[in-house]
Amino acid sequence: LARRVGGPRLRTRVAASEKELAVIAFDLAINTTPLGLHAGDAAPLSERLWDGLGAGFDMAYRPGGTEWVRRLREAGIPAADGAEMLLWQGVAAFERWWHVPAPVEVMRAAIEASVGS
């Protein structure tokens, strides 16, 4: 994914803990855990590590969005949750199953109505 988006010189690294992140620079943080699905969940990345963060993506999604995405946006950091990813997974499945273009805007409206993104 990194090479496809950023070219051959872009490197990726998966950090197993925040301790590792304290000693490396990074542009994008992706939450792939269930943190954020429930109100009161801990943030997947401590605010002390947001300096220099270019963007955040939370694969979790919930009504009104996740707290982490809201806090990143309030800090001026571009962020998105998994609702858009869910949409495009659904579009791909619809088109493969039915062999016709998916009604993307209808599907987006249904997701927004259910999760309030």
PDB file of N, CA and C in Angstrom:
ATOM      1  N   LEU A   1       0.834  -1.187   0.000  1.00  0.00           N
ATOM      2  CA  LEU A   1       0.000   0.000   0.000  1.00  0.00           C
ATOM      3  C   LEU A   1       0.881   1.253   0.000  1.00  0.00           C
ATOM      4  N   ALA A   2       1.927   1.250   0.816  1.00  0.00           N
ATOM      5  CA  ALA A   2       2.791   2.422   0.880  1.00  0.00           C
ATOM      6  C   ALA A   2       3.424   2.722  -0.468  1.00  0.00           C
ATOM      7  N   ARG A   3       3.916   1.695  -1.136  1.00  0.00           N
ATOM      8  CA  ARG A   3       4.538   1.915  -2.448  1.00  0.00           C
ATOM      9  C   ARG A   3       3.508   2.381  -3.475  1.00  0.00           C
ATOM     10  N   ARG A   4       2.324   1.837  -3.397  1.00  0.00           N
ATOM     11  CA  ARG A   4       1.279   2.215  -4.355  1.00  0.00           C
ATOM     12  C   ARG A   4       0.871   3.671  -4.176  1.00  0.00           C
ATOM     13  N   VAL A   5       0.794   4.116  -2.945  1.00  0.00           N
ATOM     14  CA  VAL A   5       0.371   5.479  -2.655  1.00  0.00           C
ATOM     15  C   VAL A   5       1.534   6.458  -2.703  1.00  0.00           C
ATOM     16  N   GLY A   6       2.657   6.072  -2.148  1.00  0.00           N
ATOM     17  CA  GLY A   6       3.754   7.009  -1.992  1.00  0.00           C
ATOM     18  C   GLY A   6       4.966   6.802  -2.860  1.00  0.00           C
ATOM     19  N   GLY A   7       4.963   5.794  -3.670  1.00  0.00           N
ATOM     20  CA  GLY A   7       6.097   5.561  -4.541  1.00  0.00           C
ATOM     21  C   GLY A   7       7.107   4.607  -3.941  1.00  0.00           C
ATOM     22  N   PRO A   8       8.148   4.291  -4.690  1.00  0.00           N
ATOM     23  CA  PRO A   8       9.109   3.262  -4.275  1.00  0.00           C
ATOM     24  C   PRO A   8       9.983   3.656  -3.083  1.00  0.00           C
ATOM     25  N   ARG A   9      10.137   4.950  -2.800  1.00  0.00           N
ATOM     26  CA  ARG A   9      11.007   5.356  -1.696  1.00  0.00           C
ATOM     27  C   ARG A   9      10.279   5.445  -0.359  1.00  0.00           C
ATOM     28  N   LEU A  10       8.967   5.367  -0.387  1.00  0.00           N
ATOM     29  CA  LEU A  10       8.206   5.433   0.849  1.00  0.00           C
ATOM     30  C   LEU A  10       8.357   4.117   1.599  1.00  0.00           C
ATOM     31  N   ARG A  11       8.684   4.219   2.867  1.00  0.00           N
ATOM     32  CA  ARG A  11       8.847   3.016   3.673  1.00  0.00           C
ATOM     33  C   ARG A  11       7.749   2.941   4.716  1.00  0.00           C
ATOM     34  N   THR A  12       7.388   1.744   5.062  1.00  0.00           N
ATOM     35  CA  THR A  12       6.387   1.548   6.100  1.00  0.00           C
ATOM     36  C   THR A  12       6.990   0.750   7.237  1.00  0.00           C
ATOM     37  N   ARG A  13       6.379   0.908   8.370  1.00  0.00           N
ATOM     38  CA  ARG A  13       6.790   0.136   9.526  1.00  0.00           C
ATOM     39  C   ARG A  13       5.570  -0.043  10.416  1.00  0.00           C
ATOM     40  N   VAL A  14       5.377  -1.229  10.874  1.00  0.00           N
ATOM     41  CA  VAL A  14       4.292  -1.506  11.792  1.00  0.00           C
ATOM     42  C   VAL A  14       4.880  -1.500  13.193  1.00  0.00           C
ATOM     43  N   ALA A  15       4.320  -0.671  14.040  1.00  0.00           N
ATOM     44  CA  ALA A  15       4.795  -0.580  15.422  1.00  0.00           C
ATOM     45  C   ALA A  15       3.899  -1.430  16.306  1.00  0.00           C
ATOM     46  N   ALA A  16       4.504  -2.228  17.133  1.00  0.00           N
ATOM     47  CA  ALA A  16       3.750  -3.103  18.027  1.00  0.00           C
ATOM     48  C   ALA A  16       3.340  -2.395  19.309  1.00  0.00           C
ATOM     49  N   SER A  17       3.984  -1.269  19.596  1.00  0.00           N
ATOM     50  CA  SER A  17       3.654  -0.546  20.825  1.00  0.00           C
ATOM     51  C   SER A  17       3.968   0.939  20.658  1.00  0.00           C
ATOM     52  N   GLU A  18       3.391   1.759  21.534  1.00  0.00           N
ATOM     53  CA  GLU A  18       3.682   3.192  21.500  1.00  0.00           C
ATOM     54  C   GLU A  18       5.139   3.465  21.833  1.00  0.00           C
ATOM     55  N   LYS A  19       5.754   2.607  22.600  1.00  0.00           N
ATOM     56  CA  LYS A  19       7.171   2.780  22.948  1.00  0.00           C
ATOM     57  C   LYS A  19       8.019   2.851  21.676  1.00  0.00           C
ATOM     58  N   GLU A  20       7.702   2.027  20.690  1.00  0.00           N
ATOM     59  CA  GLU A  20       8.423   2.052  19.418  1.00  0.00           C
ATOM     60  C   GLU A  20       8.193   3.362  18.669  1.00  0.00           C
ATOM     61  N   LEU A  21       6.989   3.907  18.775  1.00  0.00           N
ATOM     62  CA  LEU A  21       6.658   5.135  18.050  1.00  0.00           C
ATOM     63  C   LEU A  21       7.381   6.349  18.608  1.00  0.00           C
ATOM     64  N   ALA A  22       7.778   6.292  19.852  1.00  0.00           N
ATOM     65  CA  ALA A  22       8.451   7.432  20.475  1.00  0.00           C
ATOM     66  C   ALA A  22       9.814   7.697  19.850  1.00  0.00           C
ATOM     67  N   VAL A  23      10.370   6.727  19.141  1.00  0.00           N
ATOM     68  CA  VAL A  23      11.719   6.889  18.589  1.00  0.00           C
ATOM     69  C   VAL A  23      11.756   6.882  17.067  1.00  0.00           C
ATOM     70  N   ILE A  24      10.584   6.881  16.408  1.00  0.00           N
ATOM     71  CA  ILE A  24      10.557   6.946  14.945  1.00  0.00           C
ATOM     72  C   ILE A  24       9.604   8.040  14.502  1.00  0.00           C
ATOM     73  N   ALA A  25       9.826   8.553  13.319  1.00  0.00           N
ATOM     74  CA  ALA A  25       8.922   9.549  12.742  1.00  0.00           C
ATOM     75  C   ALA A  25       7.886   8.825  11.886  1.00  0.00           C
ATOM     76  N   PHE A  26       6.675   9.368  11.858  1.00  0.00           N
ATOM     77  CA  PHE A  26       5.650   8.754  11.026  1.00  0.00           C
ATOM     78  C   PHE A  26       4.671   9.816  10.554  1.00  0.00           C
ATOM     79  N   ASP A  27       4.090   9.576   9.386  1.00  0.00           N
ATOM     80  CA  ASP A  27       3.166  10.514   8.767  1.00  0.00           C
ATOM     81  C   ASP A  27       1.703  10.111   8.925  1.00  0.00           C
ATOM     82  N   LEU A  28       1.440   8.821   9.010  1.00  0.00           N
ATOM     83  CA  LEU A  28       0.075   8.325   9.046  1.00  0.00           C
ATOM     84  C   LEU A  28      -0.049   7.278  10.144  1.00  0.00           C
ATOM     85  N   ALA A  29      -1.072   7.415  10.957  1.00  0.00           N
ATOM     86  CA  ALA A  29      -1.381   6.411  11.970  1.00  0.00           C
ATOM     87  C   ALA A  29      -2.706   5.769  11.606  1.00  0.00           C
ATOM     88  N   ILE A  30      -2.726   4.438  11.603  1.00  0.00           N
ATOM     89  CA  ILE A  30      -3.942   3.704  11.276  1.00  0.00           C
ATOM     90  C   ILE A  30      -4.300   2.825  12.467  1.00  0.00           C
ATOM     91  N   ASN A  31      -5.507   3.023  12.977  1.00  0.00           N
ATOM     92  CA  ASN A  31      -5.998   2.170  14.052  1.00  0.00           C
ATOM     93  C   ASN A  31      -6.670   0.957  13.437  1.00  0.00           C
ATOM     94  N   THR A  32      -6.113  -0.216  13.688  1.00  0.00           N
ATOM     95  CA  THR A  32      -6.696  -1.460  13.192  1.00  0.00           C
ATOM     96  C   THR A  32      -7.248  -2.299  14.334  1.00  0.00           C
ATOM     97  N   THR A  33      -7.415  -1.690  15.486  1.00  0.00           N
ATOM     98  CA  THR A  33      -7.942  -2.387  16.651  1.00  0.00           C
ATOM     99  C   THR A  33      -9.416  -2.032  16.835  1.00  0.00           C
ATOM    100  N   PRO A  34     -10.116  -2.713  17.740  1.00  0.00           N
ATOM    101  CA  PRO A  34     -11.505  -2.339  18.016  1.00  0.00           C
ATOM    102  C   PRO A  34     -11.642  -1.118  18.924  1.00  0.00           C
ATOM    103  N   LEU A  35     -10.523  -0.535  19.367  1.00  0.00           N
ATOM    104  CA  LEU A  35     -10.609   0.665  20.195  1.00  0.00           C
ATOM    105  C   LEU A  35     -11.355   1.752  19.440  1.00  0.00           C
ATOM    106  N   GLY A  36     -12.341   2.319  20.090  1.00  0.00           N
ATOM    107  CA  GLY A  36     -13.139   3.359  19.463  1.00  0.00           C
ATOM    108  C   GLY A  36     -14.547   2.905  19.133  1.00  0.00           C
ATOM    109  N   LEU A  37     -14.771   1.604  19.180  1.00  0.00           N
ATOM    110  CA  LEU A  37     -16.118   1.107  18.896  1.00  0.00           C
ATOM    111  C   LEU A  37     -17.103   1.458  20.009  1.00  0.00           C
ATOM    112  N   HIS A  38     -16.589   1.644  21.210  1.00  0.00           N
ATOM    113  CA  HIS A  38     -17.455   1.911  22.358  1.00  0.00           C
ATOM    114  C   HIS A  38     -17.076   3.236  23.011  1.00  0.00           C
ATOM    115  N   ALA A  39     -18.072   3.953  23.478  1.00  0.00           N
ATOM    116  CA  ALA A  39     -17.813   5.199  24.204  1.00  0.00           C
ATOM    117  C   ALA A  39     -16.920   4.894  25.397  1.00  0.00           C
ATOM    118  N   GLY A  40     -15.962   5.747  25.638  1.00  0.00           N
ATOM    119  CA  GLY A  40     -15.059   5.560  26.765  1.00  0.00           C
ATOM    120  C   GLY A  40     -13.828   4.729  26.473  1.00  0.00           C
ATOM    121  N   ASP A  41     -13.718   4.194  25.259  1.00  0.00           N
ATOM    122  CA  ASP A  41     -12.514   3.448  24.893  1.00  0.00           C
ATOM    123  C   ASP A  41     -11.291   4.355  24.945  1.00  0.00           C
ATOM    124  N   ALA A  42     -10.166   3.792  25.262  1.00  0.00           N
ATOM    125  CA  ALA A  42      -8.904   4.530  25.217  1.00  0.00           C
ATOM    126  C   ALA A  42      -8.593   4.882  23.763  1.00  0.00           C
ATOM    127  N   ALA A  43      -7.858   5.960  23.571  1.00  0.00           N
ATOM    128  CA  ALA A  43      -7.423   6.333  22.223  1.00  0.00           C
ATOM    129  C   ALA A  43      -6.384   5.321  21.749  1.00  0.00           C
ATOM    130  N   PRO A  44      -6.387   4.979  20.473  1.00  0.00           N
ATOM    131  CA  PRO A  44      -5.404   4.025  19.973  1.00  0.00           C
ATOM    132  C   PRO A  44      -3.985   4.589  19.896  1.00  0.00           C
ATOM    133  N   LEU A  45      -3.862   5.914  19.980  1.00  0.00           N
ATOM    134  CA  LEU A  45      -2.552   6.554  19.925  1.00  0.00           C
ATOM    135  C   LEU A  45      -2.575   7.761  20.859  1.00  0.00           C
ATOM    136  N   SER A  46      -1.645   7.807  21.777  1.00  0.00           N
ATOM    137  CA  SER A  46      -1.585   8.897  22.746  1.00  0.00           C
ATOM    138  C   SER A  46      -1.371  10.240  22.068  1.00  0.00           C
ATOM    139  N   GLU A  47      -2.011  11.240  22.601  1.00  0.00           N
ATOM    140  CA  GLU A  47      -1.901  12.593  22.060  1.00  0.00           C
ATOM    141  C   GLU A  47      -0.451  13.085  22.072  1.00  0.00           C
ATOM    142  N   ARG A  48       0.342  12.620  22.987  1.00  0.00           N
ATOM    143  CA  ARG A  48       1.747  13.060  23.057  1.00  0.00           C
ATOM    144  C   ARG A  48       2.550  12.648  21.818  1.00  0.00           C
ATOM    145  N   LEU A  49       2.005  11.738  21.010  1.00  0.00           N
ATOM    146  CA  LEU A  49       2.693  11.289  19.805  1.00  0.00           C
ATOM    147  C   LEU A  49       2.149  11.935  18.532  1.00  0.00           C
ATOM    148  N   TRP A  50       1.266  12.925  18.680  1.00  0.00           N
ATOM    149  CA  TRP A  50       0.653  13.540  17.513  1.00  0.00           C
ATOM    150  C   TRP A  50       1.532  14.575  16.821  1.00  0.00           C
ATOM    151  N   ASP A  51       2.586  15.054  17.454  1.00  0.00           N
ATOM    152  CA  ASP A  51       3.462  16.032  16.803  1.00  0.00           C
ATOM    153  C   ASP A  51       4.009  15.449  15.512  1.00  0.00           C
ATOM    154  N   GLY A  52       3.807  16.146  14.423  1.00  0.00           N
ATOM    155  CA  GLY A  52       4.301  15.689  13.136  1.00  0.00           C
ATOM    156  C   GLY A  52       3.408  14.671  12.457  1.00  0.00           C
ATOM    157  N   LEU A  53       2.329  14.265  13.103  1.00  0.00           N
ATOM    158  CA  LEU A  53       1.419  13.301  12.483  1.00  0.00           C
ATOM    159  C   LEU A  53       0.693  13.981  11.330  1.00  0.00           C
ATOM    160  N   GLY A  54       0.785  13.396  10.139  1.00  0.00           N
ATOM    161  CA  GLY A  54       0.158  13.989   8.966  1.00  0.00           C
ATOM    162  C   GLY A  54      -1.320  13.684   8.847  1.00  0.00           C
ATOM    163  N   ALA A  55      -1.728  12.492   9.284  1.00  0.00           N
ATOM    164  CA  ALA A  55      -3.127  12.093   9.167  1.00  0.00           C
ATOM    165  C   ALA A  55      -3.373  10.844  10.005  1.00  0.00           C
ATOM    166  N   GLY A  56      -4.653  10.611  10.291  1.00  0.00           N
ATOM    167  CA  GLY A  56      -5.038   9.414  11.022  1.00  0.00           C
ATOM    168  C   GLY A  56      -6.211   8.730  10.345  1.00  0.00           C
ATOM    169  N   PHE A  57      -6.203   7.420  10.384  1.00  0.00           N
ATOM    170  CA  PHE A  57      -7.313   6.645   9.838  1.00  0.00           C
ATOM    171  C   PHE A  57      -7.721   5.611  10.866  1.00  0.00           C
ATOM    172  N   ASP A  58      -8.986   5.626  11.220  1.00  0.00           N
ATOM    173  CA  ASP A  58      -9.522   4.694  12.203  1.00  0.00           C
ATOM    174  C   ASP A  58     -10.408   3.709  11.464  1.00  0.00           C
ATOM    175  N   MET A  59     -10.009   2.446  11.409  1.00  0.00           N
ATOM    176  CA  MET A  59     -10.815   1.458  10.709  1.00  0.00           C
ATOM    177  C   MET A  59     -12.135   1.196  11.434  1.00  0.00           C
ATOM    178  N   ALA A  60     -12.198   1.558  12.700  1.00  0.00           N
ATOM    179  CA  ALA A  60     -13.452   1.446  13.445  1.00  0.00           C
ATOM    180  C   ALA A  60     -14.400   2.557  13.006  1.00  0.00           C
ATOM    181  N   TYR A  61     -15.676   2.309  13.128  1.00  0.00           N
ATOM    182  CA  TYR A  61     -16.671   3.348  12.869  1.00  0.00           C
ATOM    183  C   TYR A  61     -17.846   3.110  13.801  1.00  0.00           C
ATOM    184  N   ARG A  62     -18.478   4.205  14.181  1.00  0.00           N
ATOM    185  CA  ARG A  62     -19.609   4.141  15.102  1.00  0.00           C
ATOM    186  C   ARG A  62     -20.493   5.364  14.883  1.00  0.00           C
ATOM    187  N   PRO A  63     -21.720   5.341  15.370  1.00  0.00           N
ATOM    188  CA  PRO A  63     -22.579   6.517  15.215  1.00  0.00           C
ATOM    189  C   PRO A  63     -21.887   7.782  15.735  1.00  0.00           C
ATOM    190  N   GLY A  64     -21.862   8.806  14.900  1.00  0.00           N
ATOM    191  CA  GLY A  64     -21.213  10.049  15.274  1.00  0.00           C
ATOM    192  C   GLY A  64     -19.711  10.058  15.088  1.00  0.00           C
ATOM    193  N   GLY A  65     -19.137   8.971  14.645  1.00  0.00           N
ATOM    194  CA  GLY A  65     -17.693   8.882  14.464  1.00  0.00           C
ATOM    195  C   GLY A  65     -16.991   8.483  15.751  1.00  0.00           C
ATOM    196  N   THR A  66     -15.738   8.113  15.630  1.00  0.00           N
ATOM    197  CA  THR A  66     -14.975   7.715  16.819  1.00  0.00           C
ATOM    198  C   THR A  66     -14.384   8.937  17.507  1.00  0.00           C
ATOM    199  N   GLU A  67     -14.191   8.809  18.783  1.00  0.00           N
ATOM    200  CA  GLU A  67     -13.608   9.895  19.583  1.00  0.00           C
ATOM    201  C   GLU A  67     -12.220  10.261  19.065  1.00  0.00           C
ATOM    202  N   TRP A  68     -11.426   9.272  18.693  1.00  0.00           N
ATOM    203  CA  TRP A  68     -10.072   9.531  18.218  1.00  0.00           C
ATOM    204  C   TRP A  68     -10.093  10.388  16.961  1.00  0.00           C
ATOM    205  N   VAL A  69     -10.962  10.075  16.013  1.00  0.00           N
ATOM    206  CA  VAL A  69     -11.066  10.873  14.786  1.00  0.00           C
ATOM    207  C   VAL A  69     -11.511  12.294  15.123  1.00  0.00           C
ATOM    208  N   ARG A  70     -12.488  12.443  16.002  1.00  0.00           N
ATOM    209  CA  ARG A  70     -12.940  13.790  16.387  1.00  0.00           C
ATOM    210  C   ARG A  70     -11.802  14.582  17.011  1.00  0.00           C
ATOM    211  N   ARG A  71     -11.042  13.961  17.887  1.00  0.00           N
ATOM    212  CA  ARG A  71      -9.945  14.669  18.551  1.00  0.00           C
ATOM    213  C   ARG A  71      -8.833  15.029  17.567  1.00  0.00           C
ATOM    214  N   LEU A  72      -8.517  14.145  16.651  1.00  0.00           N
ATOM    215  CA  LEU A  72      -7.513  14.466  15.632  1.00  0.00           C
ATOM    216  C   LEU A  72      -7.960  15.672  14.809  1.00  0.00           C
ATOM    217  N   ARG A  73      -9.197  15.661  14.366  1.00  0.00           N
ATOM    218  CA  ARG A  73      -9.710  16.781  13.568  1.00  0.00           C
ATOM    219  C   ARG A  73      -9.683  18.082  14.351  1.00  0.00           C
ATOM    220  N   GLU A  74     -10.055  18.022  15.629  1.00  0.00           N
ATOM    221  CA  GLU A  74     -10.007  19.222  16.477  1.00  0.00           C
ATOM    222  C   GLU A  74      -8.592  19.758  16.595  1.00  0.00           C
ATOM    223  N   ALA A  75      -7.607  18.871  16.515  1.00  0.00           N
ATOM    224  CA  ALA A  75      -6.200  19.275  16.573  1.00  0.00           C
ATOM    225  C   ALA A  75      -5.677  19.721  15.208  1.00  0.00           C
ATOM    226  N   GLY A  76      -6.553  19.723  14.194  1.00  0.00           N
ATOM    227  CA  GLY A  76      -6.143  20.148  12.858  1.00  0.00           C
ATOM    228  C   GLY A  76      -5.470  19.061  12.044  1.00  0.00           C
ATOM    229  N   ILE A  77      -5.589  17.816  12.466  1.00  0.00           N
ATOM    230  CA  ILE A  77      -4.975  16.696  11.755  1.00  0.00           C
ATOM    231  C   ILE A  77      -6.064  16.007  10.921  1.00  0.00           C
ATOM    232  N   PRO A  78      -5.875  15.886   9.612  1.00  0.00           N
ATOM    233  CA  PRO A  78      -6.871  15.202   8.792  1.00  0.00           C
ATOM    234  C   PRO A  78      -7.083  13.770   9.290  1.00  0.00           C
ATOM    235  N   ALA A  79      -8.342  13.367   9.389  1.00  0.00           N
ATOM    236  CA  ALA A  79      -8.635  12.028   9.893  1.00  0.00           C
ATOM    237  C   ALA A  79      -9.950  11.527   9.327  1.00  0.00           C
ATOM    238  N   ALA A  80     -10.061  10.218   9.213  1.00  0.00           N
ATOM    239  CA  ALA A  80     -11.284   9.584   8.721  1.00  0.00           C
ATOM    240  C   ALA A  80     -11.483   8.276   9.467  1.00  0.00           C
ATOM    241  N   ASP A  81     -12.750   7.864   9.533  1.00  0.00           N
ATOM    242  CA  ASP A  81     -13.020   6.576  10.157  1.00  0.00           C
ATOM    243  C   ASP A  81     -13.349   5.542   9.085  1.00  0.00           C
ATOM    244  N   GLY A  82     -13.682   4.347   9.520  1.00  0.00           N
ATOM    245  CA  GLY A  82     -13.870   3.232   8.602  1.00  0.00           C
ATOM    246  C   GLY A  82     -15.165   3.222   7.826  1.00  0.00           C
ATOM    247  N   ALA A  83     -16.049   4.208   8.016  1.00  0.00           N
ATOM    248  CA  ALA A  83     -17.316   4.214   7.292  1.00  0.00           C
ATOM    249  C   ALA A  83     -17.103   4.295   5.778  1.00  0.00           C
ATOM    250  N   GLU A  84     -16.178   5.104   5.338  1.00  0.00           N
ATOM    251  CA  GLU A  84     -15.905   5.231   3.899  1.00  0.00           C
ATOM    252  C   GLU A  84     -15.312   3.927   3.356  1.00  0.00           C
ATOM    253  N   MET A  85     -14.461   3.288   4.152  1.00  0.00           N
ATOM    254  CA  MET A  85     -13.909   1.998   3.749  1.00  0.00           C
ATOM    255  C   MET A  85     -15.033   0.967   3.612  1.00  0.00           C
ATOM    256  N   LEU A  86     -15.971   0.966   4.574  1.00  0.00           N
ATOM    257  CA  LEU A  86     -17.120   0.072   4.513  1.00  0.00           C
ATOM    258  C   LEU A  86     -17.915   0.316   3.232  1.00  0.00           C
ATOM    259  N   LEU A  87     -18.124   1.584   2.899  1.00  0.00           N
ATOM    260  CA  LEU A  87     -18.859   1.923   1.680  1.00  0.00           C
ATOM    261  C   LEU A  87     -18.210   1.277   0.462  1.00  0.00           C
ATOM    262  N   TRP A  88     -16.908   1.475   0.295  1.00  0.00           N
ATOM    263  CA  TRP A  88     -16.254   0.998  -0.926  1.00  0.00           C
ATOM    264  C   TRP A  88     -16.107  -0.516  -0.944  1.00  0.00           C
ATOM    265  N   GLN A  89     -16.061  -1.145   0.212  1.00  0.00           N
ATOM    266  CA  GLN A  89     -16.109  -2.611   0.243  1.00  0.00           C
ATOM    267  C   GLN A  89     -17.473  -3.082  -0.250  1.00  0.00           C
ATOM    268  N   GLY A  90     -18.520  -2.384   0.192  1.00  0.00           N
ATOM    269  CA  GLY A  90     -19.875  -2.721  -0.251  1.00  0.00           C
ATOM    270  C   GLY A  90     -20.071  -2.490  -1.732  1.00  0.00           C
ATOM    271  N   VAL A  91     -19.507  -1.397  -2.241  1.00  0.00           N
ATOM    272  CA  VAL A  91     -19.595  -1.105  -3.677  1.00  0.00           C
ATOM    273  C   VAL A  91     -18.947  -2.236  -4.472  1.00  0.00           C
ATOM    274  N   ALA A  92     -17.755  -2.639  -4.073  1.00  0.00           N
ATOM    275  CA  ALA A  92     -17.057  -3.716  -4.792  1.00  0.00           C
ATOM    276  C   ALA A  92     -17.861  -5.015  -4.749  1.00  0.00           C
ATOM    277  N   ALA A  93     -18.408  -5.341  -3.585  1.00  0.00           N
ATOM    278  CA  ALA A  93     -19.200  -6.568  -3.470  1.00  0.00           C
ATOM    279  C   ALA A  93     -20.466  -6.490  -4.321  1.00  0.00           C
ATOM    280  N   PHE A  94     -21.160  -5.363  -4.268  1.00  0.00           N
ATOM    281  CA  PHE A  94     -22.381  -5.184  -5.057  1.00  0.00           C
ATOM    282  C   PHE A  94     -22.088  -5.385  -6.541  1.00  0.00           C
ATOM    283  N   GLU A  95     -21.048  -4.735  -7.040  1.00  0.00           N
ATOM    284  CA  GLU A  95     -20.741  -4.807  -8.469  1.00  0.00           C
ATOM    285  C   GLU A  95     -20.296  -6.200  -8.892  1.00  0.00           C
ATOM    286  N   ARG A  96     -19.573  -6.889  -8.033  1.00  0.00           N
ATOM    287  CA  ARG A  96     -19.173  -8.266  -8.369  1.00  0.00           C
ATOM    288  C   ARG A  96     -20.367  -9.205  -8.365  1.00  0.00           C
ATOM    289  N   TRP A  97     -21.274  -8.987  -7.436  1.00  0.00           N
ATOM    290  CA  TRP A  97     -22.433  -9.864  -7.304  1.00  0.00           C
ATOM    291  C   TRP A  97     -23.467  -9.616  -8.406  1.00  0.00           C
ATOM    292  N   TRP A  98     -23.780  -8.345  -8.654  1.00  0.00           N
ATOM    293  CA  TRP A  98     -24.864  -8.005  -9.568  1.00  0.00           C
ATOM    294  C   TRP A  98     -24.402  -7.648 -10.985  1.00  0.00           C
ATOM    295  N   HIS A  99     -23.110  -7.390 -11.174  1.00  0.00           N
ATOM    296  CA  HIS A  99     -22.558  -7.053 -12.497  1.00  0.00           C
ATOM    297  C   HIS A  99     -23.165  -5.780 -13.088  1.00  0.00           C
ATOM    298  N   VAL A 100     -23.517  -4.844 -12.214  1.00  0.00           N
ATOM    299  CA  VAL A 100     -23.997  -3.522 -12.623  1.00  0.00           C
ATOM    300  C   VAL A 100     -23.349  -2.497 -11.698  1.00  0.00           C
ATOM    301  N   PRO A 101     -23.276  -1.235 -12.127  1.00  0.00           N
ATOM    302  CA  PRO A 101     -22.705  -0.207 -11.246  1.00  0.00           C
ATOM    303  C   PRO A 101     -23.503  -0.088  -9.943  1.00  0.00           C
ATOM    304  N   ALA A 102     -22.796   0.034  -8.866  1.00  0.00           N
ATOM    305  CA  ALA A 102     -23.442   0.172  -7.560  1.00  0.00           C
ATOM    306  C   ALA A 102     -24.029   1.571  -7.391  1.00  0.00           C
ATOM    307  N   PRO A 103     -25.134   1.684  -6.670  1.00  0.00           N
ATOM    308  CA  PRO A 103     -25.707   2.999  -6.384  1.00  0.00           C
ATOM    309  C   PRO A 103     -24.954   3.645  -5.206  1.00  0.00           C
ATOM    310  N   VAL A 104     -23.790   4.170  -5.502  1.00  0.00           N
ATOM    311  CA  VAL A 104     -22.865   4.638  -4.468  1.00  0.00           C
ATOM    312  C   VAL A 104     -23.514   5.653  -3.536  1.00  0.00           C
ATOM    313  N   GLU A 105     -24.197   6.637  -4.072  1.00  0.00           N
ATOM    314  CA  GLU A 105     -24.763   7.676  -3.211  1.00  0.00           C
ATOM    315  C   GLU A 105     -25.896   7.131  -2.333  1.00  0.00           C
ATOM    316  N   VAL A 106     -26.652   6.184  -2.842  1.00  0.00           N
ATOM    317  CA  VAL A 106     -27.697   5.547  -2.027  1.00  0.00           C
ATOM    318  C   VAL A 106     -27.041   4.758  -0.897  1.00  0.00           C
ATOM    319  N   MET A 107     -25.988   4.050  -1.228  1.00  0.00           N
ATOM    320  CA  MET A 107     -25.267   3.264  -0.216  1.00  0.00           C
ATOM    321  C   MET A 107     -24.631   4.186   0.827  1.00  0.00           C
ATOM    322  N   ARG A 108     -24.045   5.301   0.365  1.00  0.00           N
ATOM    323  CA  ARG A 108     -23.436   6.255   1.296  1.00  0.00           C
ATOM    324  C   ARG A 108     -24.497   6.823   2.243  1.00  0.00           C
ATOM    325  N   ALA A 109     -25.643   7.172   1.719  1.00  0.00           N
ATOM    326  CA  ALA A 109     -26.715   7.712   2.549  1.00  0.00           C
ATOM    327  C   ALA A 109     -27.177   6.691   3.587  1.00  0.00           C
ATOM    328  N   ALA A 110     -27.229   5.422   3.195  1.00  0.00           N
ATOM    329  CA  ALA A 110     -27.638   4.385   4.145  1.00  0.00           C
ATOM    330  C   ALA A 110     -26.619   4.244   5.270  1.00  0.00           C
ATOM    331  N   ILE A 111     -25.338   4.308   4.936  1.00  0.00           N
ATOM    332  CA  ILE A 111     -24.303   4.227   5.971  1.00  0.00           C
ATOM    333  C   ILE A 111     -24.386   5.447   6.886  1.00  0.00           C
ATOM    334  N   GLU A 112     -24.501   6.626   6.294  1.00  0.00           N
ATOM    335  CA  GLU A 112     -24.593   7.838   7.111  1.00  0.00           C
ATOM    336  C   GLU A 112     -25.801   7.804   8.025  1.00  0.00           C
ATOM    337  N   ALA A 113     -26.910   7.256   7.554  1.00  0.00           N
ATOM    338  CA  ALA A 113     -28.108   7.162   8.382  1.00  0.00           C
ATOM    339  C   ALA A 113     -27.912   6.195   9.554  1.00  0.00           C
ATOM    340  N   SER A 114     -27.079   5.179   9.329  1.00  0.00           N
ATOM    341  CA  SER A 114     -26.902   4.174  10.383  1.00  0.00           C
ATOM    342  C   SER A 114     -25.767   4.491  11.335  1.00  0.00           C
ATOM    343  N   VAL A 115     -24.680   5.116  10.839  1.00  0.00           N
ATOM    344  CA  VAL A 115     -23.554   5.402  11.727  1.00  0.00           C
ATOM    345  C   VAL A 115     -23.338   6.889  11.963  1.00  0.00           C
ATOM    346  N   GLY A 116     -24.056   7.725  11.260  1.00  0.00           N
ATOM    347  CA  GLY A 116     -23.957   9.165  11.482  1.00  0.00           C
ATOM    348  C   GLY A 116     -22.610   9.763  11.173  1.00  0.00           C
ATOM    349  N   SER A 117     -21.945   9.278  10.129  1.00  0.00           N
ATOM    350  CA  SER A 117     -20.616   9.793   9.772  1.00  0.00           C
ATOM    351  C   SER A 117     -20.691  11.178   9.198  1.00  0.00           C
TER     352      SER A 117
END
